[in-house]
Amino acid sequence: MSKLLNYICIFIITCWLLFACQSSQPLKVKRPSLKVSCVPFVGYTPLIVAQEKGFFKAQGVDVELSYIKHSQLLFADFSAGKYDAIALTLGDFVILSATYPDIQAVMVVDESTGADVVVAQSDIKTIPNLKGKNLGATLGDFSEVFVTEMLKTSKLTSDDVRLVKVETFEVPNRLQNNTIQAGHTWEPYLSEALKLGAHILFTSKQTPGLILDLIAFRGEVIRDRPEDIRAFVRGGLQGLSYWEANIPEGKEIVSKALNIPINTISFEGIDLTDFADNQFFFQSNSPNYIYKTAKKYADFFIRAGNVTRLPNLETLFNSSFLTPPPSLKP
């Protein structure tokens, strides 16, 4: 009987020791996915490729990448907490920060170096010919700033034209029915306008650094999950490296993800920004320092009455998550 009691005691002590050892090990809790959303735009190709090729996961973070066609819905859902991060233009980022200041941009994904254009009817040969004419733009965002910068190059202001609120996709038809004589647009609507007889009057190649697409994270994610954000940035840069080395496959990935015909995918006038480009935009001595461009937008939106108050712009940009991209291994 005593032997049996000894065995039972030994068994209990052994089980207790095993439990104690196990409980002393830190529990590995799976972190939730980073939820990131953007409009369906080819400029976000590095993120799309990174998601489809598993680069985010390889860097140590799960990512849910989704696409929302209407930017206003995207911004509303982000402000409501539906996403951890969004991709958006610098101009839209400045406007969003006025109502949702707890946000930081951590990475530039692309720069428009000709993709944004002002197209005009055939008889509008030069920018001064726009005086007294109807100029279409999506008023209240970066589009209005872009056309205003165009007018400045010929010493004109928005008072010299009649600005008309026009969505990008409407420009070809509005030119044809003569309700506008020029308008801001991009592909695929640019090709449509050219087929209808319009011509290119001005492009974003003439406004370097003005139109950028960013990745911006919510403040609580910045504070609570910095390593996940670093992994996300590394994965995105790796996606760009893979794209540059495998463009035909990359186009197939983008075509499937965005549900657009592969033969319509064009990167003309779009510069996908790598690590060095990001360093350039985030350096204070750069001529295209992102803070200076953001201030240009902020000053414009304040004057135009789009916003009444903005947070400290310098707090809106955080380059600490930028690290050199990992090398691609075959």
Protein backbone atom coordinates (compact mmCIF):
# COMPACT_ATOMS: atom_id res chain seq x y z
CA MET A 1 0.00 0.00 0.00
CA SER A 2 2.85 2.35 0.91
CA LYS A 3 4.48 1.64 -2.45
CA LEU A 4 1.24 2.56 -4.19
CA LEU A 5 1.05 5.81 -2.23
CA ASN A 6 4.67 6.59 -3.16
CA TYR A 7 3.90 6.02 -6.86
CA ILE A 8 0.85 8.23 -6.65
CA CYS A 9 2.83 10.99 -4.94
CA ILE A 10 5.62 10.73 -7.50
CA PHE A 11 3.06 10.88 -10.32
CA ILE A 12 1.36 13.95 -8.84
CA ILE A 13 4.68 15.73 -8.26
CA THR A 14 5.84 14.91 -11.81
CA CYS A 15 2.61 16.24 -13.30
CA TRP A 16 2.88 19.37 -11.19
CA LEU A 17 6.47 19.97 -12.30
CA LEU A 18 5.54 19.44 -15.95
CA PHE A 19 2.65 21.89 -15.62
CA ALA A 20 4.86 24.42 -13.85
CA CYS A 21 7.49 24.21 -16.57
CA GLN A 22 4.92 24.63 -19.29
CA SER A 23 3.23 27.55 -17.57
CA SER A 24 6.55 29.31 -17.18
CA GLN A 25 6.99 29.42 -20.98
CA PRO A 26 5.57 32.59 -22.59
CA LEU A 27 2.36 31.97 -24.44
CA LYS A 28 2.61 32.69 -28.14
CA VAL A 29 -0.44 34.71 -29.07
CA LYS A 30 -1.12 35.04 -32.78
CA ARG A 31 -1.37 38.71 -33.68
CA PRO A 32 -4.32 39.77 -35.80
CA SER A 33 -3.79 40.58 -39.45
CA LEU A 34 -3.03 44.14 -40.47
CA LYS A 35 -6.08 45.29 -42.38
CA VAL A 36 -5.01 47.57 -45.24
CA SER A 37 -7.28 49.01 -47.92
CA CYS A 38 -6.87 51.13 -51.03
CA VAL A 39 -8.62 52.12 -54.24
CA PRO A 40 -7.98 49.71 -57.15
CA PHE A 41 -5.02 51.53 -58.71
CA VAL A 42 -1.93 50.04 -60.42
CA GLY A 43 0.30 52.40 -58.44
CA TYR A 44 -0.21 50.05 -55.49
CA THR A 45 1.39 47.16 -57.40
CA PRO A 46 4.20 46.62 -54.83
CA LEU A 47 1.58 45.93 -52.14
CA ILE A 48 -0.48 43.73 -54.45
CA VAL A 49 2.55 41.64 -55.45
CA ALA A 50 3.75 41.40 -51.83
CA GLN A 51 0.35 40.10 -50.77
CA GLU A 52 -0.01 37.56 -53.57
CA LYS A 53 3.60 36.27 -53.32
CA GLY A 54 3.50 35.96 -49.54
CA PHE A 55 6.21 38.56 -48.83
CA PHE A 56 4.32 40.14 -45.93
CA LYS A 57 3.96 36.77 -44.24
CA ALA A 58 7.63 35.96 -44.92
CA GLN A 59 8.57 39.19 -43.14
CA GLY A 60 6.51 38.18 -40.13
CA VAL A 61 3.09 39.82 -40.48
CA ASP A 62 -0.26 38.72 -41.85
CA VAL A 63 -1.94 41.31 -44.06
CA GLU A 64 -5.49 41.56 -45.37
CA LEU A 65 -5.40 43.79 -48.46
CA SER A 66 -8.75 44.97 -49.79
CA TYR A 67 -9.89 47.36 -52.52
CA ILE A 68 -12.61 50.00 -52.24
CA LYS A 69 -13.61 51.79 -55.45
CA HIS A 70 -15.00 54.94 -53.85
CA SER A 71 -12.36 56.89 -51.94
CA GLN A 72 -14.86 58.72 -49.71
CA LEU A 73 -16.21 55.38 -48.46
CA LEU A 74 -12.64 54.23 -47.90
CA PHE A 75 -11.87 57.27 -45.74
CA ALA A 76 -15.10 56.94 -43.78
CA ASP A 77 -14.45 53.25 -43.05
CA PHE A 78 -10.88 54.03 -41.98
CA SER A 79 -12.03 56.78 -39.61
CA ALA A 80 -14.58 54.34 -38.18
CA GLY A 81 -11.79 51.88 -37.35
CA LYS A 82 -12.43 49.30 -40.04
CA TYR A 83 -8.83 49.33 -41.29
CA ASP A 84 -5.42 49.61 -39.67
CA ALA A 85 -3.96 51.43 -42.68
CA ILE A 86 -4.96 52.90 -46.01
CA ALA A 87 -3.23 53.95 -49.19
CA LEU A 88 -4.15 57.42 -50.42
CA THR A 89 -2.80 60.51 -52.14
CA LEU A 90 -0.82 63.08 -50.18
CA GLY A 91 -3.55 65.67 -50.74
CA ASP A 92 -6.27 63.35 -49.43
CA PHE A 93 -4.03 62.44 -46.50
CA VAL A 94 -3.75 66.11 -45.50
CA ILE A 95 -7.54 66.54 -45.69
CA LEU A 96 -8.17 63.33 -43.71
CA SER A 97 -5.76 64.47 -40.99
CA ALA A 98 -7.94 67.53 -40.36
CA THR A 99 -10.75 65.33 -39.03
CA TYR A 100 -8.65 62.33 -37.97
CA PRO A 101 -5.31 63.68 -36.69
CA ASP A 102 -4.11 60.46 -35.01
CA ILE A 103 -2.58 59.11 -38.21
CA GLN A 104 0.91 58.85 -39.68
CA ALA A 105 2.25 58.21 -43.16
CA VAL A 106 5.13 55.73 -43.10
CA MET A 107 5.94 55.08 -46.75
CA VAL A 108 5.56 56.57 -50.24
CA VAL A 109 4.37 53.93 -52.71
CA ASP A 110 4.39 55.86 -55.98
CA GLU A 111 4.76 59.26 -57.58
CA SER A 112 2.76 60.57 -60.52
CA THR A 113 5.36 61.67 -63.06
CA GLY A 114 3.01 62.17 -66.00
CA ALA A 115 0.06 59.89 -65.27
CA ASP A 116 -2.12 62.81 -64.16
CA VAL A 117 -2.98 65.04 -67.11
CA VAL A 118 -5.13 67.95 -68.14
CA VAL A 119 -6.71 67.21 -71.51
CA ALA A 120 -8.29 69.91 -73.63
CA GLN A 121 -10.40 70.38 -76.72
CA SER A 122 -8.44 70.75 -79.95
CA ASP A 123 -8.83 74.54 -80.13
CA ILE A 124 -7.26 75.03 -76.67
CA LYS A 125 -3.63 75.08 -77.80
CA THR A 126 -1.99 76.61 -74.72
CA ILE A 127 -2.76 77.14 -71.05
CA PRO A 128 -3.50 80.88 -71.56
CA ASN A 129 -6.23 79.77 -74.01
CA LEU A 130 -8.11 78.48 -70.95
CA LYS A 131 -8.89 82.02 -69.80
CA GLY A 132 -12.66 82.34 -69.39
CA LYS A 133 -13.16 78.62 -70.16
CA ASN A 134 -14.62 75.77 -68.13
CA LEU A 135 -11.91 73.67 -66.46
CA GLY A 136 -13.02 70.39 -64.90
CA ALA A 137 -11.52 68.91 -61.73
CA THR A 138 -12.59 67.02 -58.62
CA LEU A 139 -12.83 70.12 -56.48
CA GLY A 140 -11.68 70.11 -52.88
CA ASP A 141 -8.87 67.59 -53.21
CA PHE A 142 -5.47 67.15 -54.89
CA SER A 143 -7.08 67.52 -58.32
CA GLU A 144 -7.92 71.17 -57.67
CA VAL A 145 -4.39 71.80 -56.40
CA PHE A 146 -2.97 70.17 -59.53
CA VAL A 147 -4.94 72.33 -61.97
CA THR A 148 -4.15 75.41 -59.89
CA GLU A 149 -0.44 74.62 -60.16
CA MET A 150 -0.89 74.26 -63.92
CA LEU A 151 -2.48 77.71 -64.14
CA LYS A 152 0.39 79.22 -62.15
CA THR A 153 2.87 78.17 -64.83
CA SER A 154 1.21 80.69 -67.15
CA LYS A 155 0.65 83.30 -64.43
CA LEU A 156 -3.08 82.52 -64.25
CA THR A 157 -5.24 81.81 -61.21
CA SER A 158 -8.50 79.97 -60.70
CA ASP A 159 -10.23 83.35 -61.06
CA ASP A 160 -9.17 83.40 -64.71
CA VAL A 161 -11.16 80.23 -65.48
CA ARG A 162 -14.45 78.68 -64.42
CA LEU A 163 -13.66 75.64 -62.27
CA VAL A 164 -16.30 72.94 -62.71
CA LYS A 165 -16.71 69.96 -60.42
CA VAL A 166 -16.17 66.92 -62.64
CA GLU A 167 -15.26 63.36 -61.73
CA THR A 168 -12.28 61.89 -63.55
CA PHE A 169 -14.30 59.33 -65.50
CA GLU A 170 -16.68 62.04 -66.73
CA VAL A 171 -14.02 64.13 -68.48
CA PRO A 172 -14.17 62.50 -71.97
CA ASN A 173 -17.95 62.92 -72.30
CA ARG A 174 -17.95 66.39 -70.74
CA LEU A 175 -15.34 67.51 -73.28
CA GLN A 176 -17.38 66.04 -76.10
CA ASN A 177 -20.63 67.75 -75.08
CA ASN A 178 -18.71 71.01 -74.49
CA THR A 179 -19.72 71.50 -70.85
CA ILE A 180 -16.01 71.77 -70.12
CA GLN A 181 -13.18 72.74 -72.44
CA ALA A 182 -10.43 71.04 -70.42
CA GLY A 183 -10.24 68.67 -67.48
CA HIS A 184 -8.00 66.66 -65.16
CA THR A 185 -8.01 62.92 -65.68
CA TRP A 186 -5.85 59.78 -65.97
CA GLU A 187 -5.96 56.35 -67.56
CA PRO A 188 -8.08 54.67 -68.76
CA TYR A 189 -10.15 57.85 -69.27
CA LEU A 190 -7.21 59.66 -70.85
CA SER A 191 -7.13 57.23 -73.79
CA GLU A 192 -10.88 57.61 -74.17
CA ALA A 193 -10.58 61.40 -74.31
CA LEU A 194 -7.76 61.24 -76.87
CA LYS A 195 -9.84 58.96 -79.10
CA LEU A 196 -12.60 61.58 -79.01
CA GLY A 197 -10.24 64.27 -80.30
CA ALA A 198 -8.84 65.83 -77.13
CA HIS A 199 -5.12 66.44 -76.62
CA ILE A 200 -2.80 66.62 -73.61
CA LEU A 201 -2.27 70.17 -72.36
CA PHE A 202 -0.34 69.55 -69.13
CA THR A 203 0.98 66.57 -67.11
CA SER A 204 2.22 65.85 -63.61
CA LYS A 205 5.71 65.47 -65.07
CA GLN A 206 5.75 69.26 -64.74
CA THR A 207 4.86 69.15 -61.02
CA PRO A 208 7.51 66.84 -59.48
CA GLY A 209 6.71 65.58 -56.00
CA LEU A 210 3.19 67.03 -55.97
CA ILE A 211 1.13 63.87 -56.47
CA LEU A 212 2.28 61.03 -54.22
CA ASP A 213 0.51 57.93 -52.93
CA LEU A 214 1.23 57.01 -49.32
CA ILE A 215 0.60 54.29 -46.78
CA ALA A 216 -0.84 55.75 -43.57
CA PHE A 217 -1.48 53.89 -40.30
CA ARG A 218 -3.77 54.64 -37.41
CA GLY A 219 -1.99 56.07 -34.37
CA GLU A 220 -2.79 53.15 -32.06
CA VAL A 221 -1.30 50.70 -34.56
CA ILE A 222 1.85 52.84 -34.78
CA ARG A 223 2.16 52.71 -30.99
CA ASP A 224 1.11 49.08 -30.37
CA ARG A 225 2.51 47.21 -33.39
CA PRO A 226 5.70 48.90 -34.60
CA GLU A 227 7.42 45.63 -35.58
CA ASP A 228 4.42 44.62 -37.69
CA ILE A 229 4.60 47.94 -39.51
CA ARG A 230 8.32 47.44 -40.17
CA ALA A 231 7.53 43.98 -41.53
CA PHE A 232 4.81 45.47 -43.72
CA VAL A 233 7.19 48.08 -45.16
CA ARG A 234 9.87 45.45 -45.81
CA GLY A 235 7.30 43.25 -47.54
CA GLY A 236 6.10 46.12 -49.72
CA LEU A 237 9.65 46.98 -50.79
CA GLN A 238 10.28 43.31 -51.53
CA GLY A 239 7.11 43.30 -53.64
CA LEU A 240 8.55 46.16 -55.70
CA SER A 241 11.86 44.33 -56.18
CA TYR A 242 10.02 41.22 -57.33
CA TRP A 243 7.87 43.24 -59.72
CA GLU A 244 10.90 44.86 -61.33
CA ALA A 245 12.47 41.45 -61.93
CA ASN A 246 9.26 39.70 -63.06
CA ILE A 247 7.08 42.25 -64.86
CA PRO A 248 5.06 39.79 -67.05
CA GLU A 249 4.11 37.71 -64.00
CA GLY A 250 3.53 40.89 -62.01
CA LYS A 251 1.04 42.15 -64.58
CA GLU A 252 -0.87 38.88 -64.32
CA ILE A 253 -0.99 39.26 -60.54
CA VAL A 254 -2.25 42.85 -60.78
CA SER A 255 -4.78 41.98 -63.50
CA LYS A 256 -6.29 39.23 -61.36
CA ALA A 257 -6.27 41.22 -58.10
CA LEU A 258 -7.83 44.36 -59.59
CA ASN A 259 -10.03 42.52 -62.08
CA ILE A 260 -8.81 44.53 -65.06
CA PRO A 261 -7.68 43.29 -68.51
CA ILE A 262 -3.94 42.71 -68.58
CA ASN A 263 -3.56 44.62 -71.86
CA THR A 264 -4.88 47.80 -70.20
CA ILE A 265 -2.28 47.82 -67.42
CA SER A 266 0.04 50.77 -67.99
CA PHE A 267 2.68 52.36 -65.80
CA GLU A 268 3.42 55.27 -68.08
CA GLY A 269 3.90 58.34 -65.91
CA ILE A 270 3.91 56.31 -62.67
CA ASP A 271 7.13 55.96 -60.69
CA LEU A 272 6.95 53.13 -58.15
CA THR A 273 9.11 54.40 -55.30
CA ASP A 274 11.83 52.24 -53.77
CA PHE A 275 13.81 52.60 -50.54
CA ALA A 276 16.14 55.28 -51.96
CA ASP A 277 13.18 57.27 -53.32
CA ASN A 278 11.54 57.16 -49.90
CA GLN A 279 14.69 58.43 -48.25
CA PHE A 280 14.69 61.28 -50.76
CA PHE A 281 11.10 62.30 -49.98
CA PHE A 282 11.61 62.09 -46.21
CA GLN A 283 14.87 64.09 -46.12
CA SER A 284 14.42 67.69 -45.01
CA ASN A 285 17.06 68.98 -47.47
CA SER A 286 15.33 67.38 -50.44
CA PRO A 287 13.69 69.77 -52.94
CA ASN A 288 10.65 67.45 -52.86
CA TYR A 289 10.62 67.04 -49.07
CA ILE A 290 7.21 65.57 -48.30
CA TYR A 291 6.54 68.02 -45.48
CA LYS A 292 6.98 71.01 -47.80
CA THR A 293 4.55 69.51 -50.31
CA ALA A 294 2.06 68.70 -47.55
CA LYS A 295 2.25 72.31 -46.39
CA LYS A 296 1.47 73.46 -49.93
CA TYR A 297 -1.69 71.34 -49.83
CA ALA A 298 -2.57 72.47 -46.31
CA ASP A 299 -2.20 76.16 -47.17
CA PHE A 300 -4.38 75.68 -50.25
CA PHE A 301 -7.12 73.80 -48.38
CA ILE A 302 -7.18 76.40 -45.60
CA ARG A 303 -7.48 79.26 -48.10
CA ALA A 304 -10.16 77.42 -50.07
CA GLY A 305 -12.14 76.65 -46.92
CA ASN A 306 -11.95 72.88 -47.40
CA VAL A 307 -10.68 72.61 -43.84
CA THR A 308 -10.59 75.10 -40.99
CA ARG A 309 -7.83 73.60 -38.87
CA LEU A 310 -4.96 71.16 -39.39
CA PRO A 311 -2.75 69.29 -36.89
CA ASN A 312 0.99 69.88 -36.77
CA LEU A 313 2.06 68.57 -40.19
CA GLU A 314 5.44 67.41 -38.92
CA THR A 315 3.73 64.86 -36.67
CA LEU A 316 1.97 63.27 -39.65
CA PHE A 317 5.08 61.69 -41.19
CA ASN A 318 7.12 58.88 -39.66
CA SER A 319 10.06 57.47 -41.61
CA SER A 320 11.37 55.35 -38.72
CA PHE A 321 9.81 52.22 -40.20
CA LEU A 322 11.80 52.44 -43.42
CA THR A 323 14.55 49.84 -43.59
CA PRO A 324 16.51 48.55 -46.59
CA PRO A 325 14.53 45.91 -48.49
CA PRO A 326 15.51 42.24 -48.05
CA SER A 327 17.45 40.67 -50.88
CA LEU A 328 15.46 38.42 -53.20
CA LYS A 329 16.58 34.82 -53.12
CA PRO A 330 15.85 32.51 -56.07
